């Protein structure tokens, strides 16, 4: 009986050591994968204004009829996020709550923009609780920033500088715009180029 108990405890100890070794191996592999996997970031189009340059200055009006200047100076330290959406874009509708919570968490002024039928956009505003936000429905704004796919976001600095822009399909893409600006990278493409250029 004592021999059987000793054998059972020995086998249990060996199994525990094996499980601990397997967990360490998995943890190491997760770390390696984390190093190798590129971040998911907003995809910056090649055409249009470059990050780091002054944004196009556009005088326009919101759906409510209020005048608004895009690309002009903001209060010191402020940032503005232009979020291009359409009432006919399902991904846009899904991302609106994320854009709102992200802008609130980061202290960024959020302005919605689009180029669609005004009645449809007004319904989008009502259906998604956007009455407290400026909504610009002006095709010239999208053309100025070379918006060709939706949803698209543009981050502007307090002096009107274009800090980041790109196609966004998730909250992570929105967050990457702030991270890329803070890290000095214009886009996720620049980040990947810098990583590939580093010697292994």
N, C-alpha and C. Protein backbone atom coordinates (compact mmCIF):
# COMPACT_ATOMS: atom_id res chain seq x y z
N UNK A 1 0.82 -1.20 0.00
CA UNK A 1 0.00 0.00 0.00
C UNK A 1 0.86 1.26 0.00
N UNK A 2 1.90 1.27 0.87
CA UNK A 2 2.79 2.43 0.94
C UNK A 2 3.57 2.59 -0.36
N UNK A 3 3.96 1.47 -0.95
CA UNK A 3 4.70 1.51 -2.21
C UNK A 3 3.82 2.09 -3.31
N UNK A 4 2.56 1.67 -3.35
CA UNK A 4 1.61 2.17 -4.34
C UNK A 4 1.39 3.68 -4.18
N UNK A 5 1.28 4.13 -2.93
CA UNK A 5 1.11 5.56 -2.65
C UNK A 5 2.34 6.35 -3.10
N UNK A 6 3.52 5.82 -2.84
CA UNK A 6 4.77 6.49 -3.25
C UNK A 6 4.86 6.57 -4.77
N UNK A 7 4.46 5.50 -5.45
CA UNK A 7 4.49 5.49 -6.93
C UNK A 7 3.51 6.53 -7.47
N UNK A 8 2.31 6.60 -6.89
CA UNK A 8 1.29 7.56 -7.32
C UNK A 8 1.78 9.00 -7.12
N UNK A 9 2.39 9.26 -5.96
CA UNK A 9 2.92 10.61 -5.71
C UNK A 9 4.06 10.94 -6.66
N UNK A 10 4.89 9.96 -6.96
CA UNK A 10 5.99 10.18 -7.90
C UNK A 10 5.48 10.51 -9.29
N UNK A 11 4.46 9.77 -9.74
CA UNK A 11 3.87 10.02 -11.06
C UNK A 11 3.21 11.41 -11.08
N UNK A 12 2.51 11.76 -10.00
CA UNK A 12 1.87 13.08 -9.91
C UNK A 12 2.91 14.20 -9.98
N UNK A 13 4.02 14.02 -9.28
CA UNK A 13 5.09 15.02 -9.30
C UNK A 13 5.68 15.16 -10.70
N UNK A 14 5.90 14.04 -11.37
CA UNK A 14 6.44 14.08 -12.73
C UNK A 14 5.47 14.80 -13.67
N UNK A 15 4.16 14.50 -13.52
CA UNK A 15 3.15 15.16 -14.35
C UNK A 15 3.10 16.66 -14.09
N UNK A 16 3.21 17.07 -12.83
CA UNK A 16 3.21 18.50 -12.49
C UNK A 16 4.41 19.21 -13.11
N UNK A 17 5.57 18.59 -13.04
CA UNK A 17 6.77 19.17 -13.64
C UNK A 17 6.60 19.28 -15.16
N UNK A 18 6.01 18.25 -15.78
CA UNK A 18 5.79 18.27 -17.23
C UNK A 18 4.81 19.37 -17.62
N UNK A 19 3.73 19.53 -16.84
CA UNK A 19 2.75 20.59 -17.13
C UNK A 19 3.39 21.97 -16.97
N UNK A 20 4.19 22.15 -15.92
CA UNK A 20 4.88 23.43 -15.71
C UNK A 20 5.82 23.73 -16.87
N UNK A 21 6.55 22.72 -17.33
CA UNK A 21 7.46 22.92 -18.47
C UNK A 21 6.68 23.28 -19.73
N UNK A 22 5.53 22.61 -19.94
CA UNK A 22 4.70 22.90 -21.11
C UNK A 22 4.16 24.33 -21.05
N UNK A 23 3.73 24.77 -19.87
CA UNK A 23 3.23 26.15 -19.71
C UNK A 23 4.32 27.17 -19.99
N UNK A 24 5.53 26.91 -19.52
CA UNK A 24 6.65 27.81 -19.80
C UNK A 24 6.93 27.88 -21.30
N UNK A 25 6.87 26.73 -21.97
CA UNK A 25 7.10 26.71 -23.42
C UNK A 25 6.03 27.49 -24.16
N UNK A 26 4.77 27.34 -23.74
CA UNK A 26 3.67 28.07 -24.38
C UNK A 26 3.82 29.57 -24.13
N UNK A 27 4.17 29.94 -22.90
CA UNK A 27 4.36 31.36 -22.58
C UNK A 27 5.48 31.96 -23.42
N UNK A 28 6.54 31.21 -23.63
CA UNK A 28 7.65 31.69 -24.46
C UNK A 28 7.19 31.88 -25.90
N UNK A 29 6.41 30.93 -26.42
CA UNK A 29 5.93 31.04 -27.80
C UNK A 29 4.98 32.22 -27.97
N UNK A 30 4.14 32.47 -26.97
CA UNK A 30 3.24 33.63 -27.03
C UNK A 30 4.07 34.91 -27.10
N UNK A 31 5.13 34.98 -26.31
CA UNK A 31 6.02 36.15 -26.35
C UNK A 31 6.67 36.32 -27.71
N UNK A 32 7.12 35.22 -28.31
CA UNK A 32 7.74 35.27 -29.64
C UNK A 32 6.72 35.73 -30.68
N UNK A 33 5.50 35.18 -30.62
CA UNK A 33 4.46 35.59 -31.56
C UNK A 33 4.10 37.06 -31.39
N UNK A 34 4.04 37.51 -30.14
CA UNK A 34 3.73 38.92 -29.87
C UNK A 34 4.77 39.83 -30.51
N UNK A 35 6.03 39.41 -30.49
CA UNK A 35 7.09 40.20 -31.11
C UNK A 35 6.97 40.22 -32.63
N UNK A 36 6.54 39.10 -33.20
CA UNK A 36 6.52 38.96 -34.66
C UNK A 36 5.27 39.54 -35.31
N UNK A 37 4.15 39.50 -34.62
CA UNK A 37 2.89 39.92 -35.22
C UNK A 37 2.85 41.44 -35.29
N UNK A 38 2.53 41.95 -36.45
CA UNK A 38 2.44 43.40 -36.64
C UNK A 38 1.17 43.93 -36.00
N UNK A 39 1.19 45.18 -35.56
CA UNK A 39 -0.01 45.76 -34.97
C UNK A 39 -1.09 45.96 -36.02
N UNK A 40 -2.33 45.90 -35.58
CA UNK A 40 -3.43 46.20 -36.49
C UNK A 40 -3.64 47.70 -36.46
N UNK A 41 -3.37 48.35 -37.55
CA UNK A 41 -3.48 49.80 -37.56
C UNK A 41 -4.32 50.29 -38.72
N UNK A 42 -4.68 51.56 -38.65
CA UNK A 42 -5.44 52.17 -39.73
C UNK A 42 -4.61 52.16 -41.00
N UNK A 43 -5.20 51.73 -42.09
CA UNK A 43 -4.49 51.64 -43.36
C UNK A 43 -4.53 53.00 -44.05
N UNK A 44 -3.37 53.62 -44.18
CA UNK A 44 -3.28 54.96 -44.75
C UNK A 44 -3.19 54.89 -46.27
N UNK A 45 -4.10 55.55 -46.97
CA UNK A 45 -4.03 55.54 -48.44
C UNK A 45 -2.82 56.33 -48.94
N UNK A 46 -2.35 55.99 -50.12
CA UNK A 46 -1.17 56.66 -50.69
C UNK A 46 -1.49 58.07 -51.19
N UNK A 47 -2.70 58.26 -51.71
CA UNK A 47 -3.05 59.57 -52.24
C UNK A 47 -3.58 60.47 -51.13
N UNK A 48 -3.63 61.76 -51.41
CA UNK A 48 -4.17 62.71 -50.44
C UNK A 48 -3.08 63.36 -49.62
N UNK A 49 -3.47 64.24 -48.70
CA UNK A 49 -2.49 64.98 -47.90
C UNK A 49 -1.67 64.05 -47.02
N UNK A 50 -0.40 64.37 -46.86
CA UNK A 50 0.52 63.54 -46.08
C UNK A 50 0.42 63.87 -44.60
N UNK A 51 0.63 62.85 -43.79
CA UNK A 51 0.67 63.03 -42.34
C UNK A 51 1.85 63.95 -42.01
N UNK A 52 1.61 64.89 -41.10
CA UNK A 52 2.65 65.84 -40.71
C UNK A 52 2.58 67.16 -41.45
N UNK A 53 1.71 67.24 -42.45
CA UNK A 53 1.56 68.48 -43.21
C UNK A 53 0.29 69.20 -42.75
N UNK A 54 0.18 70.49 -43.07
CA UNK A 54 -1.06 71.19 -42.71
C UNK A 54 -2.27 70.56 -43.40
N UNK A 55 -3.33 70.37 -42.66
CA UNK A 55 -4.55 69.81 -43.23
C UNK A 55 -5.22 70.84 -44.13
N UNK A 56 -5.95 70.39 -45.14
CA UNK A 56 -6.70 71.34 -45.96
C UNK A 56 -7.68 72.13 -45.08
N UNK A 57 -7.76 73.43 -45.32
CA UNK A 57 -8.69 74.28 -44.55
C UNK A 57 -9.97 74.43 -45.34
N UNK A 58 -11.06 74.03 -44.72
CA UNK A 58 -12.35 74.05 -45.41
C UNK A 58 -13.39 74.70 -44.51
N UNK A 59 -14.05 75.70 -45.05
CA UNK A 59 -15.19 76.32 -44.36
C UNK A 59 -16.45 75.61 -44.86
N UNK A 60 -17.22 75.06 -43.95
CA UNK A 60 -18.42 74.34 -44.36
C UNK A 60 -19.48 74.49 -43.27
N UNK A 61 -20.57 73.75 -43.42
CA UNK A 61 -21.64 73.81 -42.41
C UNK A 61 -22.02 72.40 -41.99
N UNK A 62 -22.56 72.29 -40.80
CA UNK A 62 -23.03 71.01 -40.28
C UNK A 62 -24.46 70.76 -40.78
N UNK A 63 -24.97 69.57 -40.51
CA UNK A 63 -26.35 69.26 -40.86
C UNK A 63 -27.33 70.20 -40.17
N UNK A 64 -26.93 70.72 -39.00
CA UNK A 64 -27.78 71.66 -38.26
C UNK A 64 -27.70 73.08 -38.81
N UNK A 65 -26.81 73.31 -39.78
CA UNK A 65 -26.67 74.64 -40.37
C UNK A 65 -25.63 75.52 -39.69
N UNK A 66 -24.87 74.97 -38.73
CA UNK A 66 -23.84 75.74 -38.05
C UNK A 66 -22.56 75.78 -38.89
N UNK A 67 -21.90 76.94 -38.92
CA UNK A 67 -20.64 77.06 -39.64
C UNK A 67 -19.54 76.35 -38.86
N UNK A 68 -18.64 75.69 -39.58
CA UNK A 68 -17.51 75.00 -38.96
C UNK A 68 -16.32 75.08 -39.89
N UNK A 69 -15.14 75.28 -39.31
CA UNK A 69 -13.91 75.28 -40.10
C UNK A 69 -13.14 74.01 -39.79
N UNK A 70 -12.81 73.27 -40.83
CA UNK A 70 -12.01 72.05 -40.68
C UNK A 70 -10.59 72.38 -41.12
N UNK A 71 -9.63 71.99 -40.31
CA UNK A 71 -8.23 72.24 -40.63
C UNK A 71 -7.68 73.52 -40.03
N UNK A 72 -8.51 74.27 -39.35
CA UNK A 72 -8.05 75.49 -38.70
C UNK A 72 -7.49 75.20 -37.32
N UNK A 73 -7.05 76.27 -36.66
CA UNK A 73 -6.47 76.13 -35.32
C UNK A 73 -7.56 75.78 -34.31
N UNK A 74 -7.19 74.95 -33.35
CA UNK A 74 -8.06 74.58 -32.23
C UNK A 74 -7.45 75.16 -30.96
N UNK A 75 -8.13 74.99 -29.83
CA UNK A 75 -7.55 75.46 -28.57
C UNK A 75 -6.26 74.68 -28.32
N UNK A 76 -5.28 75.27 -27.63
CA UNK A 76 -3.99 74.60 -27.41
C UNK A 76 -4.16 73.22 -26.77
N UNK A 77 -3.49 72.24 -27.35
CA UNK A 77 -3.52 70.87 -26.84
C UNK A 77 -4.70 70.04 -27.32
N UNK A 78 -5.63 70.67 -28.02
CA UNK A 78 -6.82 69.94 -28.49
C UNK A 78 -6.50 69.13 -29.74
N UNK A 79 -7.28 68.08 -29.94
CA UNK A 79 -7.21 67.29 -31.16
C UNK A 79 -8.63 67.07 -31.66
N UNK A 80 -8.76 66.93 -32.96
CA UNK A 80 -10.08 66.71 -33.56
C UNK A 80 -10.02 65.46 -34.43
N UNK A 81 -11.01 64.60 -34.25
CA UNK A 81 -11.12 63.39 -35.06
C UNK A 81 -12.29 63.54 -36.02
N UNK A 82 -11.99 63.52 -37.31
CA UNK A 82 -13.04 63.50 -38.33
C UNK A 82 -13.33 62.04 -38.63
N UNK A 83 -14.57 61.64 -38.44
CA UNK A 83 -14.94 60.24 -38.67
C UNK A 83 -15.94 60.20 -39.81
N UNK A 84 -15.48 59.73 -40.97
CA UNK A 84 -16.29 59.70 -42.19
C UNK A 84 -17.16 58.45 -42.20
N UNK A 85 -18.48 58.66 -42.27
CA UNK A 85 -19.44 57.57 -42.21
C UNK A 85 -20.54 57.78 -43.25
N UNK A 86 -21.34 56.75 -43.42
CA UNK A 86 -22.50 56.84 -44.31
C UNK A 86 -23.63 56.03 -43.71
N UNK A 87 -24.84 56.47 -43.95
CA UNK A 87 -26.02 55.74 -43.48
C UNK A 87 -26.13 54.38 -44.17
N UNK A 88 -25.44 54.21 -45.29
CA UNK A 88 -25.52 52.97 -46.05
C UNK A 88 -24.34 52.03 -45.77
N UNK A 89 -23.53 52.36 -44.76
CA UNK A 89 -22.33 51.58 -44.45
C UNK A 89 -22.52 50.84 -43.12
N UNK A 90 -22.71 49.51 -43.16
CA UNK A 90 -22.94 48.75 -41.92
C UNK A 90 -21.76 48.82 -40.94
N UNK A 91 -20.53 48.79 -41.46
CA UNK A 91 -19.36 48.86 -40.57
C UNK A 91 -19.31 50.21 -39.88
N UNK A 92 -19.67 51.27 -40.61
CA UNK A 92 -19.70 52.61 -40.01
C UNK A 92 -20.64 52.63 -38.81
N UNK A 93 -21.83 52.07 -39.01
CA UNK A 93 -22.83 52.06 -37.93
C UNK A 93 -22.32 51.28 -36.72
N UNK A 94 -21.61 50.19 -36.99
CA UNK A 94 -21.06 49.37 -35.90
C UNK A 94 -19.98 50.12 -35.14
N UNK A 95 -19.19 50.95 -35.85
CA UNK A 95 -18.07 51.64 -35.21
C UNK A 95 -18.43 52.95 -34.54
N UNK A 96 -19.60 53.49 -34.81
CA UNK A 96 -19.98 54.78 -34.22
C UNK A 96 -19.88 54.76 -32.69
N UNK A 97 -20.42 53.74 -31.99
CA UNK A 97 -20.27 53.74 -30.52
C UNK A 97 -18.81 53.68 -30.07
N UNK A 98 -17.98 52.92 -30.81
CA UNK A 98 -16.56 52.84 -30.47
C UNK A 98 -15.88 54.20 -30.66
N UNK A 99 -16.22 54.88 -31.76
CA UNK A 99 -15.64 56.20 -32.02
C UNK A 99 -16.02 57.17 -30.90
N UNK A 100 -17.26 57.10 -30.47
CA UNK A 100 -17.71 58.00 -29.40
C UNK A 100 -16.97 57.73 -28.10
N UNK A 101 -16.88 56.45 -27.70
CA UNK A 101 -16.21 56.13 -26.43
C UNK A 101 -14.71 56.40 -26.52
N UNK A 102 -14.12 56.12 -27.68
CA UNK A 102 -12.69 56.37 -27.88
C UNK A 102 -12.38 57.86 -27.77
N UNK A 103 -13.17 58.69 -28.46
CA UNK A 103 -12.95 60.14 -28.43
C UNK A 103 -13.12 60.68 -27.01
N UNK A 104 -14.11 60.17 -26.31
CA UNK A 104 -14.34 60.62 -24.93
C UNK A 104 -13.16 60.23 -24.04
N UNK A 105 -12.69 58.99 -24.17
CA UNK A 105 -11.59 58.50 -23.33
C UNK A 105 -10.29 59.26 -23.61
N UNK A 106 -10.07 59.64 -24.87
CA UNK A 106 -8.83 60.32 -25.26
C UNK A 106 -8.93 61.84 -25.17
N UNK A 107 -10.13 62.36 -24.88
CA UNK A 107 -10.31 63.81 -24.82
C UNK A 107 -10.19 64.47 -26.18
N UNK A 108 -10.70 63.79 -27.20
CA UNK A 108 -10.62 64.28 -28.58
C UNK A 108 -11.99 64.77 -29.03
N UNK A 109 -12.02 65.92 -29.70
CA UNK A 109 -13.27 66.41 -30.26
C UNK A 109 -13.64 65.54 -31.46
N UNK A 110 -14.85 65.03 -31.47
CA UNK A 110 -15.30 64.13 -32.53
C UNK A 110 -16.27 64.85 -33.46
N UNK A 111 -15.94 64.84 -34.75
CA UNK A 111 -16.80 65.43 -35.78
C UNK A 111 -17.10 64.33 -36.80
N UNK A 112 -18.37 64.07 -37.03
CA UNK A 112 -18.76 63.09 -38.04
C UNK A 112 -18.85 63.79 -39.39
N UNK A 113 -18.50 63.05 -40.44
CA UNK A 113 -18.53 63.63 -41.78
C UNK A 113 -19.00 62.58 -42.77
N UNK A 114 -19.52 63.05 -43.88
CA UNK A 114 -19.97 62.14 -44.91
C UNK A 114 -20.39 62.88 -46.16
N UNK A 115 -20.83 62.10 -47.14
CA UNK A 115 -21.29 62.64 -48.41
C UNK A 115 -22.42 61.73 -48.89
N UNK A 116 -23.59 61.95 -48.34
CA UNK A 116 -24.73 61.10 -48.64
C UNK A 116 -25.97 61.99 -48.67
N UNK A 117 -27.08 61.39 -48.97
CA UNK A 117 -28.34 62.12 -48.95
C UNK A 117 -28.56 62.70 -47.55
N UNK A 118 -28.87 64.00 -47.48
CA UNK A 118 -28.99 64.69 -46.19
C UNK A 118 -30.05 64.05 -45.30
N UNK A 119 -31.16 63.60 -45.88
CA UNK A 119 -32.22 62.97 -45.08
C UNK A 119 -31.73 61.66 -44.47
N UNK A 120 -30.98 60.88 -45.25
CA UNK A 120 -30.42 59.62 -44.73
C UNK A 120 -29.45 59.89 -43.59
N UNK A 121 -28.59 60.90 -43.79
CA UNK A 121 -27.61 61.23 -42.75
C UNK A 121 -28.32 61.73 -41.49
N UNK A 122 -29.39 62.49 -41.66
CA UNK A 122 -30.15 62.98 -40.51
C UNK A 122 -30.76 61.81 -39.74
N UNK A 123 -31.23 60.78 -40.47
CA UNK A 123 -31.76 59.59 -39.80
C UNK A 123 -30.65 58.85 -39.05
N UNK A 124 -29.45 58.80 -39.66
CA UNK A 124 -28.30 58.17 -39.00
C UNK A 124 -27.99 58.89 -37.69
N UNK A 125 -28.02 60.22 -37.73
CA UNK A 125 -27.77 61.02 -36.52
C UNK A 125 -28.81 60.69 -35.45
N UNK A 126 -30.07 60.65 -35.84
CA UNK A 126 -31.14 60.38 -34.88
C UNK A 126 -31.07 58.95 -34.34
N UNK A 127 -30.84 57.98 -35.24
CA UNK A 127 -30.83 56.57 -34.84
C UNK A 127 -29.66 56.20 -33.94
N UNK A 128 -28.53 56.92 -34.07
CA UNK A 128 -27.33 56.56 -33.32
C UNK A 128 -26.97 57.57 -32.24
N UNK A 129 -27.90 58.44 -31.90
CA UNK A 129 -27.69 59.38 -30.79
C UNK A 129 -26.56 60.35 -31.01
N UNK A 130 -26.47 60.91 -32.21
CA UNK A 130 -25.36 61.81 -32.54
C UNK A 130 -25.77 63.28 -32.50
N UNK A 131 -26.88 63.58 -31.86
CA UNK A 131 -27.37 64.96 -31.85
C UNK A 131 -26.40 65.92 -31.17
N UNK A 132 -25.57 65.45 -30.27
CA UNK A 132 -24.62 66.33 -29.59
C UNK A 132 -23.32 66.53 -30.34
N UNK A 133 -23.19 65.94 -31.53
CA UNK A 133 -21.95 66.02 -32.30
C UNK A 133 -22.17 66.81 -33.58
N UNK A 134 -21.11 67.50 -34.01
CA UNK A 134 -21.16 68.16 -35.32
C UNK A 134 -21.14 67.07 -36.39
N UNK A 135 -21.98 67.22 -37.40
CA UNK A 135 -22.02 66.26 -38.52
C UNK A 135 -21.98 67.07 -39.81
N UNK A 136 -20.88 66.93 -40.55
CA UNK A 136 -20.69 67.65 -41.80
C UNK A 136 -21.01 66.71 -42.95
N UNK A 137 -21.98 67.08 -43.76
CA UNK A 137 -22.35 66.27 -44.92
C UNK A 137 -21.95 67.05 -46.18
N UNK A 138 -20.67 66.96 -46.51
CA UNK A 138 -20.10 67.79 -47.58
C UNK A 138 -19.06 66.96 -48.34
N UNK A 139 -19.33 66.70 -49.61
CA UNK A 139 -18.42 65.89 -50.42
C UNK A 139 -17.04 66.50 -50.59
N UNK A 140 -16.94 67.83 -50.53
CA UNK A 140 -15.63 68.47 -50.71
C UNK A 140 -14.68 68.12 -49.57
N UNK A 141 -15.22 67.84 -48.40
CA UNK A 141 -14.38 67.46 -47.26
C UNK A 141 -13.72 66.10 -47.51
N UNK A 142 -14.51 65.15 -47.96
CA UNK A 142 -13.96 63.83 -48.28
C UNK A 142 -12.95 63.88 -49.41
N UNK A 143 -13.23 64.70 -50.42
CA UNK A 143 -12.28 64.83 -51.54
C UNK A 143 -10.98 65.47 -51.08
N UNK A 144 -11.06 66.45 -50.19
CA UNK A 144 -9.86 67.14 -49.71
C UNK A 144 -8.93 66.18 -48.97
N UNK A 145 -9.51 65.20 -48.27
CA UNK A 145 -8.70 64.23 -47.52
C UNK A 145 -8.55 62.90 -48.26
N UNK A 146 -8.96 62.86 -49.53
CA UNK A 146 -8.84 61.67 -50.38
C UNK A 146 -9.49 60.44 -49.74
N UNK A 147 -10.69 60.63 -49.23
CA UNK A 147 -11.44 59.52 -48.63
C UNK A 147 -12.09 58.74 -49.76
N UNK A 148 -11.66 57.48 -49.93
CA UNK A 148 -12.24 56.67 -51.00
C UNK A 148 -12.99 55.45 -50.49
N UNK A 149 -12.79 55.11 -49.21
CA UNK A 149 -13.50 53.97 -48.61
C UNK A 149 -13.93 54.36 -47.20
N UNK A 150 -15.01 53.74 -46.74
CA UNK A 150 -15.53 54.03 -45.40
C UNK A 150 -15.50 52.76 -44.56
N UNK A 151 -15.43 52.94 -43.24
CA UNK A 151 -15.24 54.18 -42.49
C UNK A 151 -13.79 54.65 -42.55
N UNK A 152 -13.63 55.95 -42.54
CA UNK A 152 -12.31 56.58 -42.66
C UNK A 152 -12.19 57.60 -41.53
N UNK A 153 -11.01 57.72 -40.97
CA UNK A 153 -10.81 58.67 -39.87
C UNK A 153 -9.60 59.55 -40.15
N UNK A 154 -9.69 60.79 -39.69
CA UNK A 154 -8.61 61.77 -39.84
C UNK A 154 -8.41 62.43 -38.48
N UNK A 155 -7.18 62.41 -37.98
CA UNK A 155 -6.86 63.03 -36.70
C UNK A 155 -6.08 64.31 -36.95
N UNK A 156 -6.61 65.43 -36.41
CA UNK A 156 -6.00 66.74 -36.61
C UNK A 156 -5.48 67.29 -35.28
N UNK A 157 -4.34 68.00 -35.35
CA UNK A 157 -3.76 68.61 -34.16
C UNK A 157 -4.30 70.01 -33.93
N UNK A 158 -3.89 70.62 -32.83
CA UNK A 158 -4.41 71.94 -32.46
C UNK A 158 -3.99 73.04 -33.42
N UNK A 159 -2.90 72.83 -34.17
CA UNK A 159 -2.46 73.84 -35.13
C UNK A 159 -2.93 73.54 -36.55
N UNK A 160 -3.81 72.55 -36.70
CA UNK A 160 -4.33 72.19 -38.01
C UNK A 160 -3.47 71.19 -38.75
N UNK A 161 -2.47 70.63 -38.08
CA UNK A 161 -1.61 69.63 -38.71
C UNK A 161 -2.34 68.29 -38.79
N UNK A 162 -2.14 67.60 -39.89
CA UNK A 162 -2.69 66.26 -40.07
C UNK A 162 -1.82 65.28 -39.29
N UNK A 163 -2.35 64.72 -38.21
CA UNK A 163 -1.58 63.84 -37.33
C UNK A 163 -1.63 62.38 -37.79
N UNK A 164 -2.77 61.94 -38.29
CA UNK A 164 -2.93 60.56 -38.75
C UNK A 164 -4.22 60.48 -39.56
N UNK A 165 -4.28 59.49 -40.45
CA UNK A 165 -5.50 59.28 -41.21
C UNK A 165 -5.49 57.87 -41.78
N UNK A 166 -6.67 57.36 -42.08
CA UNK A 166 -6.71 56.05 -42.69
C UNK A 166 -8.06 55.37 -42.59
N UNK A 167 -8.14 54.24 -43.26
CA UNK A 167 -9.31 53.39 -43.24
C UNK A 167 -9.34 52.67 -41.90
N UNK A 168 -10.47 52.72 -41.21
CA UNK A 168 -10.58 52.09 -39.89
C UNK A 168 -11.73 51.11 -39.89
N UNK A 169 -11.47 49.90 -39.39
CA UNK A 169 -12.51 48.88 -39.32
C UNK A 169 -12.73 48.35 -37.91
N UNK A 170 -12.02 48.92 -36.93
CA UNK A 170 -12.16 48.46 -35.55
C UNK A 170 -11.70 49.54 -34.59
N UNK A 171 -12.00 49.33 -33.31
CA UNK A 171 -11.54 50.27 -32.29
C UNK A 171 -10.00 50.32 -32.27
N UNK A 172 -9.37 49.16 -32.49
CA UNK A 172 -7.91 49.10 -32.50
C UNK A 172 -7.34 50.00 -33.59
N UNK A 173 -8.01 50.06 -34.74
CA UNK A 173 -7.55 50.95 -35.81
C UNK A 173 -7.63 52.40 -35.36
N UNK A 174 -8.72 52.76 -34.68
CA UNK A 174 -8.84 54.13 -34.17
C UNK A 174 -7.72 54.42 -33.17
N UNK A 175 -7.50 53.49 -32.25
CA UNK A 175 -6.46 53.69 -31.24
C UNK A 175 -5.08 53.78 -31.87
N UNK A 176 -4.86 53.04 -32.96
CA UNK A 176 -3.55 53.06 -33.61
C UNK A 176 -3.22 54.43 -34.17
N UNK A 177 -4.24 55.23 -34.48
CA UNK A 177 -3.98 56.57 -35.01
C UNK A 177 -3.30 57.44 -33.96
N UNK A 178 -3.78 57.35 -32.73
CA UNK A 178 -3.16 58.13 -31.64
C UNK A 178 -1.78 57.56 -31.32
N UNK A 179 -1.68 56.23 -31.27
CA UNK A 179 -0.41 55.58 -30.95
C UNK A 179 0.64 55.90 -32.01
N UNK A 180 0.26 55.85 -33.29
CA UNK A 180 1.23 56.13 -34.35
C UNK A 180 1.72 57.57 -34.26
N UNK A 181 0.81 58.48 -33.95
CA UNK A 181 1.22 59.88 -33.79
C UNK A 181 2.17 60.04 -32.61
N UNK A 182 1.83 59.42 -31.48
CA UNK A 182 2.66 59.55 -30.28
C UNK A 182 4.01 58.87 -30.44
N UNK A 183 4.07 57.82 -31.26
CA UNK A 183 5.34 57.10 -31.46
C UNK A 183 6.17 57.69 -32.59
N UNK A 184 5.64 58.69 -33.28
CA UNK A 184 6.39 59.32 -34.36
C UNK A 184 6.28 58.60 -35.69
N UNK A 185 5.40 57.61 -35.78
CA UNK A 185 5.19 56.89 -37.04
C UNK A 185 3.96 57.47 -37.73
N UNK A 186 4.07 57.73 -39.01
CA UNK A 186 2.95 58.31 -39.74
C UNK A 186 1.82 57.31 -39.94
N UNK A 187 2.18 56.03 -40.05
CA UNK A 187 1.16 55.01 -40.31
C UNK A 187 1.69 53.65 -39.92
N UNK A 188 0.80 52.66 -39.94
CA UNK A 188 1.22 51.29 -39.66
C UNK A 188 2.17 50.80 -40.74
N UNK A 189 2.01 51.31 -41.98
CA UNK A 189 2.93 50.92 -43.04
C UNK A 189 4.35 51.38 -42.72
N UNK A 190 4.50 52.60 -42.19
CA UNK A 190 5.83 53.09 -41.80
C UNK A 190 6.42 52.25 -40.67
N UNK A 191 5.56 51.84 -39.74
CA UNK A 191 6.01 50.99 -38.64
C UNK A 191 6.57 49.68 -39.18
N UNK A 192 5.84 49.07 -40.12
CA UNK A 192 6.28 47.79 -40.69
C UNK A 192 7.59 47.96 -41.46
N UNK A 193 7.72 49.05 -42.21
CA UNK A 193 8.97 49.30 -42.94
C UNK A 193 10.14 49.42 -41.98
N UNK A 194 9.92 50.15 -40.87
CA UNK A 194 10.99 50.33 -39.88
C UNK A 194 11.37 49.00 -39.25
N UNK A 195 10.38 48.15 -38.98
CA UNK A 195 10.67 46.84 -38.38
C UNK A 195 11.42 45.94 -39.35
N UNK A 196 11.02 45.97 -40.62
CA UNK A 196 11.67 45.12 -41.61
C UNK A 196 13.09 45.59 -41.90
N UNK A 197 13.34 46.89 -41.72
CA UNK A 197 14.67 47.43 -41.98
C UNK A 197 15.66 47.09 -40.88
N UNK A 198 15.15 46.76 -39.67
CA UNK A 198 16.04 46.43 -38.55
C UNK A 198 16.72 45.09 -38.81
N UNK A 199 18.02 44.99 -38.52
CA UNK A 199 18.68 43.69 -38.68
C UNK A 199 18.15 42.69 -37.64
N UNK A 200 18.04 41.44 -38.05
CA UNK A 200 17.48 40.41 -37.16
C UNK A 200 18.44 40.08 -36.03
